């Protein structure tokens, strides 16, 4: 029986590049190579595989970064538009409430003046159609006050949600930039 040594040890490294693409690099190192020599050869092979992977991943990362940056910019545009609409609607509600208050006071004061003019000695208490009109004004004012408060609460919640989304997108944009930078460094550019 003869003692034959294998001339070399084969090393293969496979890396998925995304989608349907993958790369396999193969090399050999001598059977009698030291651990340090074998590690050096394997490290060089891993570096080359990672470099090729980086070249394949950078365009996808840049595309994803562009989409995230556009979305983040759209948040600001949408917020400005929604905030302007909110302020306009709130101002309209406030004007309507003030108008109702003025009208109510006018109706009340006219009815009171009529009561005083008639010479009645009893305390003034709206009655009949005046009481109905004042009740409708009170109900409308109550509804408007509720709408103003509800709209403000909804706006505050929307701003909170938007800020959470902005923070998430900012973190993702930073992560993508970091990943692109790491891969670019592998390319030596």
Foldseek 3Di string as FASTA:
>chain_A
DDDDDDQWDKDKDKDALDDPDIDIDMDIDGPPDDPVVVVVVVVVVVLVRLLVSLVSCLVVLVVVLVVLVVVLVVLVVVLVVVVVVLVVVLVVLVVVLVVLVVVLVVLVVVQVVVVVVVVDPDDDDDDDPSVVSNVVSVVSNVVSVVVSVVSVVVNVVVVVVSVVVSVVSVVVSVVSVVSNVVNVVSNVD
